[in-house]
Amino acid sequence: MLTGFESIVEQRIKAAQQKGAFDNLSGAGRPLDLTRDQHIPEDLRLPYKILRNADCLPPEIELKKEIQRTEELLACLPDTAQRYAVLKKLNFLIMKVNAGRTGNLHFDIPQKYLADVSDRLSTRSGGLPERDTQS
């Protein structure tokens, strides 16, 4: 289902197609060149190509894989002290990924401390304390 903004964009694209606005674009009818790493800065393309040919991953992807492994480990740990130590490591890795980003902040990975704090509070006290709403 499209949001309001996306549906407006889709309508405008369809209207432009019907008017023929896309008919005379350079490269029309030819396949896209997906081998050029357009999202990678020019000065990093050659080193990334060398790393890719050597089956090495970019540092961002390595960090994301480490985060995924740490999340899986965190889900399996029953001990609170161990969970806390792994959670600290997870939050550090997430901060490291987010600090390396230069784009939109809406894509930052949220840190995992809120869920753990609420879990700890609910297990220690038998549930979260109820708020007094009559004040």
N, C-alpha and C. Protein backbone atom coordinates (compact mmCIF):
# COMPACT_ATOMS: atom_id res chain seq x y z
N MET A 1 0.85 -1.18 0.00
CA MET A 1 0.00 0.00 0.00
C MET A 1 0.89 1.24 0.00
N LEU A 2 0.56 2.17 -0.83
CA LEU A 2 1.37 3.38 -0.97
C LEU A 2 0.90 4.45 0.01
N THR A 3 1.86 5.21 0.51
CA THR A 3 1.51 6.36 1.34
C THR A 3 1.03 7.49 0.44
N GLY A 4 0.54 8.55 1.04
CA GLY A 4 0.05 9.68 0.26
C GLY A 4 1.12 10.27 -0.64
N PHE A 5 2.31 10.45 -0.10
CA PHE A 5 3.42 11.01 -0.87
C PHE A 5 3.79 10.08 -2.02
N GLU A 6 3.89 8.78 -1.74
CA GLU A 6 4.28 7.83 -2.78
C GLU A 6 3.24 7.77 -3.89
N SER A 7 1.96 7.85 -3.54
CA SER A 7 0.92 7.80 -4.58
C SER A 7 0.97 9.06 -5.46
N ILE A 8 1.28 10.21 -4.86
CA ILE A 8 1.43 11.43 -5.66
C ILE A 8 2.60 11.29 -6.63
N VAL A 9 3.70 10.75 -6.13
CA VAL A 9 4.88 10.55 -6.98
C VAL A 9 4.55 9.59 -8.12
N GLU A 10 3.87 8.50 -7.80
CA GLU A 10 3.48 7.53 -8.84
C GLU A 10 2.58 8.17 -9.89
N GLN A 11 1.62 8.99 -9.45
CA GLN A 11 0.73 9.67 -10.40
C GLN A 11 1.51 10.59 -11.33
N ARG A 12 2.46 11.31 -10.77
CA ARG A 12 3.26 12.24 -11.59
C ARG A 12 4.16 11.49 -12.57
N ILE A 13 4.71 10.37 -12.14
CA ILE A 13 5.55 9.57 -13.04
C ILE A 13 4.70 9.04 -14.19
N LYS A 14 3.51 8.51 -13.88
CA LYS A 14 2.63 7.98 -14.93
C LYS A 14 2.21 9.08 -15.90
N ALA A 15 1.90 10.26 -15.37
CA ALA A 15 1.52 11.38 -16.24
C ALA A 15 2.68 11.77 -17.15
N ALA A 16 3.89 11.79 -16.62
CA ALA A 16 5.07 12.13 -17.43
C ALA A 16 5.31 11.07 -18.49
N GLN A 17 5.10 9.79 -18.15
CA GLN A 17 5.26 8.73 -19.13
C GLN A 17 4.26 8.89 -20.27
N GLN A 18 3.02 9.20 -19.92
CA GLN A 18 1.99 9.36 -20.95
C GLN A 18 2.29 10.55 -21.86
N LYS A 19 2.90 11.59 -21.32
CA LYS A 19 3.25 12.76 -22.13
C LYS A 19 4.51 12.52 -22.96
N GLY A 20 5.24 11.43 -22.67
CA GLY A 20 6.45 11.12 -23.42
C GLY A 20 7.69 11.80 -22.89
N ALA A 21 7.67 12.21 -21.64
CA ALA A 21 8.81 12.92 -21.06
C ALA A 21 10.05 12.04 -20.94
N PHE A 22 9.86 10.73 -20.94
CA PHE A 22 10.99 9.83 -20.76
C PHE A 22 11.43 9.18 -22.08
N ASP A 23 10.82 9.56 -23.19
CA ASP A 23 11.08 8.89 -24.46
C ASP A 23 12.46 9.19 -25.04
N ASN A 24 12.99 10.37 -24.84
CA ASN A 24 14.25 10.77 -25.47
C ASN A 24 15.41 10.86 -24.48
N LEU A 25 15.39 10.07 -23.46
CA LEU A 25 16.49 10.09 -22.48
C LEU A 25 17.71 9.40 -23.06
N SER A 26 18.89 9.87 -22.67
CA SER A 26 20.10 9.20 -23.13
C SER A 26 20.17 7.81 -22.49
N GLY A 27 20.50 6.84 -23.29
CA GLY A 27 20.58 5.48 -22.78
C GLY A 27 19.26 4.74 -22.85
N ALA A 28 18.25 5.33 -23.44
CA ALA A 28 16.94 4.68 -23.54
C ALA A 28 17.06 3.41 -24.36
N GLY A 29 16.46 2.35 -23.89
CA GLY A 29 16.48 1.07 -24.59
C GLY A 29 17.71 0.23 -24.33
N ARG A 30 18.69 0.78 -23.65
CA ARG A 30 19.89 0.02 -23.32
C ARG A 30 19.82 -0.44 -21.87
N PRO A 31 20.44 -1.57 -21.54
CA PRO A 31 20.41 -2.04 -20.14
C PRO A 31 21.20 -1.10 -19.23
N LEU A 32 20.81 -1.07 -17.98
CA LEU A 32 21.52 -0.25 -17.00
C LEU A 32 22.90 -0.83 -16.73
N ASP A 33 23.85 0.02 -16.51
CA ASP A 33 25.20 -0.41 -16.14
C ASP A 33 25.27 -0.48 -14.62
N LEU A 34 25.06 -1.68 -14.09
CA LEU A 34 25.04 -1.86 -12.64
C LEU A 34 26.41 -2.23 -12.08
N THR A 35 27.42 -2.33 -12.95
CA THR A 35 28.75 -2.67 -12.46
C THR A 35 29.46 -1.47 -11.86
N ARG A 36 29.09 -0.28 -12.27
CA ARG A 36 29.69 0.93 -11.70
C ARG A 36 29.07 1.16 -10.33
N ASP A 37 29.86 1.17 -9.32
CA ASP A 37 29.37 1.36 -7.96
C ASP A 37 29.04 2.83 -7.74
N GLN A 38 27.87 3.24 -8.18
CA GLN A 38 27.50 4.65 -8.16
C GLN A 38 27.33 5.18 -6.75
N HIS A 39 26.98 4.32 -5.81
CA HIS A 39 26.78 4.77 -4.43
C HIS A 39 28.10 4.88 -3.66
N ILE A 40 29.18 4.40 -4.25
CA ILE A 40 30.49 4.45 -3.59
C ILE A 40 31.26 5.65 -4.13
N PRO A 41 31.87 6.44 -3.27
CA PRO A 41 32.66 7.59 -3.75
C PRO A 41 33.75 7.14 -4.73
N GLU A 42 34.06 8.01 -5.66
CA GLU A 42 35.01 7.71 -6.73
C GLU A 42 36.35 7.20 -6.20
N ASP A 43 36.85 7.80 -5.13
CA ASP A 43 38.17 7.42 -4.61
C ASP A 43 38.16 6.07 -3.90
N LEU A 44 36.98 5.53 -3.60
CA LEU A 44 36.91 4.23 -2.92
C LEU A 44 36.53 3.08 -3.86
N ARG A 45 36.21 3.38 -5.10
CA ARG A 45 35.73 2.34 -6.02
C ARG A 45 36.79 1.28 -6.31
N LEU A 46 38.02 1.70 -6.59
CA LEU A 46 39.07 0.73 -6.89
C LEU A 46 39.40 -0.13 -5.67
N PRO A 47 39.61 0.46 -4.48
CA PRO A 47 39.86 -0.40 -3.32
C PRO A 47 38.70 -1.37 -3.03
N TYR A 48 37.46 -0.90 -3.19
CA TYR A 48 36.32 -1.79 -2.95
C TYR A 48 36.28 -2.91 -3.98
N LYS A 49 36.64 -2.60 -5.23
CA LYS A 49 36.66 -3.63 -6.26
C LYS A 49 37.71 -4.69 -5.93
N ILE A 50 38.86 -4.25 -5.47
CA ILE A 50 39.92 -5.19 -5.08
C ILE A 50 39.45 -6.07 -3.92
N LEU A 51 38.82 -5.44 -2.93
CA LEU A 51 38.31 -6.20 -1.79
C LEU A 51 37.21 -7.18 -2.23
N ARG A 52 36.33 -6.73 -3.12
CA ARG A 52 35.25 -7.59 -3.59
C ARG A 52 35.83 -8.80 -4.34
N ASN A 53 36.85 -8.57 -5.16
CA ASN A 53 37.47 -9.67 -5.89
C ASN A 53 38.19 -10.64 -4.96
N ALA A 54 38.61 -10.16 -3.79
CA ALA A 54 39.27 -11.02 -2.80
C ALA A 54 38.26 -11.61 -1.81
N ASP A 55 36.96 -11.47 -2.12
CA ASP A 55 35.87 -11.96 -1.25
C ASP A 55 35.89 -11.33 0.13
N CYS A 56 36.31 -10.09 0.21
CA CYS A 56 36.26 -9.34 1.47
C CYS A 56 35.06 -8.40 1.42
N LEU A 57 34.48 -8.16 2.57
CA LEU A 57 33.32 -7.28 2.65
C LEU A 57 33.74 -5.89 3.10
N PRO A 58 32.98 -4.87 2.71
CA PRO A 58 33.25 -3.51 3.21
C PRO A 58 33.08 -3.46 4.72
N PRO A 59 33.75 -2.53 5.39
CA PRO A 59 33.67 -2.46 6.85
C PRO A 59 32.25 -2.30 7.37
N GLU A 60 31.40 -1.57 6.65
CA GLU A 60 30.02 -1.38 7.11
C GLU A 60 29.27 -2.71 7.16
N ILE A 61 29.49 -3.54 6.15
CA ILE A 61 28.81 -4.83 6.09
C ILE A 61 29.36 -5.76 7.16
N GLU A 62 30.67 -5.73 7.38
CA GLU A 62 31.26 -6.54 8.45
C GLU A 62 30.65 -6.16 9.80
N LEU A 63 30.50 -4.85 10.04
CA LEU A 63 29.90 -4.39 11.29
C LEU A 63 28.46 -4.86 11.43
N LYS A 64 27.70 -4.78 10.35
CA LYS A 64 26.31 -5.22 10.40
C LYS A 64 26.21 -6.71 10.68
N LYS A 65 27.11 -7.49 10.10
CA LYS A 65 27.12 -8.93 10.38
C LYS A 65 27.48 -9.20 11.84
N GLU A 66 28.43 -8.43 12.36
CA GLU A 66 28.81 -8.56 13.77
C GLU A 66 27.64 -8.20 14.68
N ILE A 67 26.89 -7.17 14.31
CA ILE A 67 25.70 -6.78 15.08
C ILE A 67 24.69 -7.92 15.07
N GLN A 68 24.48 -8.52 13.91
CA GLN A 68 23.52 -9.62 13.82
C GLN A 68 23.95 -10.80 14.68
N ARG A 69 25.23 -11.15 14.64
CA ARG A 69 25.72 -12.26 15.48
C ARG A 69 25.57 -11.93 16.96
N THR A 70 25.84 -10.68 17.33
CA THR A 70 25.73 -10.27 18.73
C THR A 70 24.28 -10.29 19.18
N GLU A 71 23.35 -9.89 18.32
CA GLU A 71 21.92 -9.95 18.66
C GLU A 71 21.48 -11.39 18.87
N GLU A 72 21.96 -12.30 18.02
CA GLU A 72 21.62 -13.71 18.18
C GLU A 72 22.17 -14.25 19.49
N LEU A 73 23.39 -13.87 19.84
CA LEU A 73 23.99 -14.29 21.11
C LEU A 73 23.19 -13.73 22.28
N LEU A 74 22.79 -12.49 22.19
CA LEU A 74 22.03 -11.83 23.25
C LEU A 74 20.71 -12.55 23.50
N ALA A 75 20.07 -13.01 22.45
CA ALA A 75 18.79 -13.70 22.59
C ALA A 75 18.93 -15.04 23.30
N CYS A 76 20.12 -15.63 23.27
CA CYS A 76 20.33 -16.96 23.86
C CYS A 76 20.83 -16.91 25.30
N LEU A 77 21.25 -15.76 25.79
CA LEU A 77 21.85 -15.69 27.12
C LEU A 77 20.79 -15.54 28.21
N PRO A 78 20.79 -16.45 29.19
CA PRO A 78 19.82 -16.33 30.28
C PRO A 78 20.32 -15.46 31.43
N ASP A 79 21.63 -15.38 31.61
CA ASP A 79 22.21 -14.67 32.75
C ASP A 79 22.19 -13.16 32.50
N THR A 80 21.71 -12.41 33.49
CA THR A 80 21.58 -10.96 33.36
C THR A 80 22.93 -10.28 33.21
N ALA A 81 23.93 -10.72 33.96
CA ALA A 81 25.26 -10.09 33.88
C ALA A 81 25.87 -10.30 32.49
N GLN A 82 25.74 -11.50 31.96
CA GLN A 82 26.26 -11.77 30.62
C GLN A 82 25.49 -10.97 29.57
N ARG A 83 24.16 -10.91 29.74
CA ARG A 83 23.33 -10.13 28.80
C ARG A 83 23.75 -8.66 28.81
N TYR A 84 24.04 -8.13 30.00
CA TYR A 84 24.43 -6.74 30.12
C TYR A 84 25.75 -6.49 29.39
N ALA A 85 26.72 -7.39 29.55
CA ALA A 85 28.01 -7.23 28.88
C ALA A 85 27.86 -7.29 27.35
N VAL A 86 27.06 -8.24 26.88
CA VAL A 86 26.85 -8.37 25.44
C VAL A 86 26.05 -7.19 24.91
N LEU A 87 25.11 -6.69 25.71
CA LEU A 87 24.32 -5.53 25.31
C LEU A 87 25.20 -4.28 25.17
N LYS A 88 26.17 -4.13 26.07
CA LYS A 88 27.11 -3.01 25.96
C LYS A 88 27.90 -3.10 24.65
N LYS A 89 28.34 -4.30 24.32
CA LYS A 89 29.07 -4.50 23.07
C LYS A 89 28.17 -4.20 21.87
N LEU A 90 26.92 -4.66 21.93
CA LEU A 90 25.99 -4.42 20.84
C LEU A 90 25.74 -2.93 20.63
N ASN A 91 25.53 -2.21 21.71
CA ASN A 91 25.30 -0.77 21.60
C ASN A 91 26.53 -0.06 21.04
N PHE A 92 27.72 -0.52 21.43
CA PHE A 92 28.95 0.07 20.89
C PHE A 92 29.03 -0.16 19.37
N LEU A 93 28.73 -1.38 18.93
CA LEU A 93 28.77 -1.68 17.50
C LEU A 93 27.75 -0.84 16.73
N ILE A 94 26.56 -0.68 17.31
CA ILE A 94 25.53 0.12 16.66
C ILE A 94 25.96 1.58 16.57
N MET A 95 26.55 2.10 17.65
CA MET A 95 27.05 3.48 17.61
C MET A 95 28.12 3.64 16.54
N LYS A 96 28.96 2.62 16.39
CA LYS A 96 30.03 2.67 15.40
C LYS A 96 29.46 2.72 13.98
N VAL A 97 28.43 1.92 13.72
CA VAL A 97 27.78 1.94 12.40
C VAL A 97 27.12 3.29 12.16
N ASN A 98 26.38 3.77 13.15
CA ASN A 98 25.66 5.03 13.00
C ASN A 98 26.62 6.21 12.84
N ALA A 99 27.77 6.17 13.51
CA ALA A 99 28.74 7.26 13.41
C ALA A 99 29.37 7.32 12.02
N GLY A 100 29.47 6.18 11.36
CA GLY A 100 30.07 6.15 10.04
C GLY A 100 29.13 6.56 8.93
N ARG A 101 27.89 6.76 9.25
CA ARG A 101 26.90 7.12 8.22
C ARG A 101 26.97 8.60 7.92
N THR A 102 26.81 8.91 6.66
CA THR A 102 26.82 10.32 6.25
C THR A 102 25.48 10.75 5.69
N GLY A 103 24.56 9.81 5.54
CA GLY A 103 23.28 10.13 4.91
C GLY A 103 22.21 10.51 5.90
N ASN A 104 21.02 10.06 5.60
CA ASN A 104 19.82 10.39 6.36
C ASN A 104 19.84 9.72 7.73
N LEU A 105 19.55 10.46 8.76
CA LEU A 105 19.56 9.91 10.12
C LEU A 105 18.37 9.01 10.39
N HIS A 106 17.37 9.00 9.52
CA HIS A 106 16.21 8.14 9.72
C HIS A 106 16.57 6.67 9.57
N PHE A 107 17.72 6.37 9.00
CA PHE A 107 18.12 5.00 8.78
C PHE A 107 19.09 4.50 9.85
N ASP A 108 19.32 5.29 10.88
CA ASP A 108 20.18 4.84 11.97
C ASP A 108 19.59 3.61 12.63
N ILE A 109 20.46 2.72 13.09
CA ILE A 109 20.00 1.54 13.80
C ILE A 109 19.75 1.94 15.25
N PRO A 110 18.56 1.66 15.79
CA PRO A 110 18.30 2.03 17.18
C PRO A 110 19.08 1.14 18.14
N GLN A 111 19.52 1.72 19.23
CA GLN A 111 20.22 0.94 20.23
C GLN A 111 19.24 0.07 20.99
N LYS A 112 19.72 -0.99 21.62
CA LYS A 112 18.86 -2.02 22.19
C LYS A 112 18.69 -1.93 23.70
N TYR A 113 19.02 -0.82 24.31
CA TYR A 113 19.00 -0.79 25.76
C TYR A 113 17.59 -0.67 26.34
N LEU A 114 16.64 -0.05 25.66
CA LEU A 114 15.31 0.15 26.22
C LEU A 114 14.60 -1.17 26.46
N ALA A 115 14.66 -2.08 25.50
CA ALA A 115 14.01 -3.38 25.66
C ALA A 115 14.63 -4.15 26.81
N ASP A 116 15.95 -4.08 26.95
CA ASP A 116 16.60 -4.81 28.03
C ASP A 116 16.26 -4.22 29.39
N VAL A 117 16.21 -2.90 29.49
CA VAL A 117 15.87 -2.27 30.76
C VAL A 117 14.45 -2.65 31.17
N SER A 118 13.52 -2.61 30.23
CA SER A 118 12.14 -2.97 30.58
C SER A 118 12.04 -4.44 30.94
N ASP A 119 12.81 -5.31 30.27
CA ASP A 119 12.83 -6.73 30.64
C ASP A 119 13.35 -6.91 32.06
N ARG A 120 14.43 -6.20 32.38
CA ARG A 120 15.02 -6.33 33.72
C ARG A 120 14.07 -5.82 34.79
N LEU A 121 13.40 -4.70 34.53
CA LEU A 121 12.46 -4.16 35.51
C LEU A 121 11.29 -5.10 35.72
N SER A 122 10.78 -5.68 34.65
CA SER A 122 9.61 -6.54 34.79
C SER A 122 9.96 -7.86 35.47
N THR A 123 11.18 -8.39 35.27
CA THR A 123 11.54 -9.65 35.93
C THR A 123 11.88 -9.44 37.39
N ARG A 124 12.45 -8.31 37.75
CA ARG A 124 12.81 -8.06 39.15
C ARG A 124 11.60 -7.75 40.02
N SER A 125 10.66 -6.97 39.49
CA SER A 125 9.56 -6.52 40.34
C SER A 125 8.26 -7.24 40.05
N GLY A 126 8.29 -8.23 39.16
CA GLY A 126 7.06 -8.92 38.83
C GLY A 126 6.17 -8.09 37.92
N GLY A 127 6.70 -7.11 37.30
CA GLY A 127 5.94 -6.23 36.41
C GLY A 127 6.32 -4.79 36.65
N LEU A 128 5.99 -3.96 35.73
CA LEU A 128 6.28 -2.54 35.88
C LEU A 128 5.29 -1.93 36.86
N PRO A 129 5.74 -1.00 37.69
CA PRO A 129 4.81 -0.38 38.63
C PRO A 129 3.76 0.44 37.90
N GLU A 130 2.54 0.40 38.43
CA GLU A 130 1.46 1.15 37.81
C GLU A 130 1.56 2.60 38.21
N ARG A 131 1.19 3.48 37.30
CA ARG A 131 1.26 4.91 37.57
C ARG A 131 -0.02 5.36 38.26
N ASP A 132 0.11 6.30 39.15
CA ASP A 132 -1.03 6.88 39.83
C ASP A 132 -1.63 7.94 38.92
N THR A 133 -2.84 7.67 38.42
CA THR A 133 -3.45 8.59 37.46
C THR A 133 -4.46 9.52 38.11
N GLN A 134 -4.63 9.45 39.43
CA GLN A 134 -5.62 10.28 40.11
C GLN A 134 -5.05 11.58 40.63
N SER A 135 -3.79 11.89 40.42
CA SER A 135 -3.20 13.12 40.94
C SER A 135 -3.66 14.33 40.21
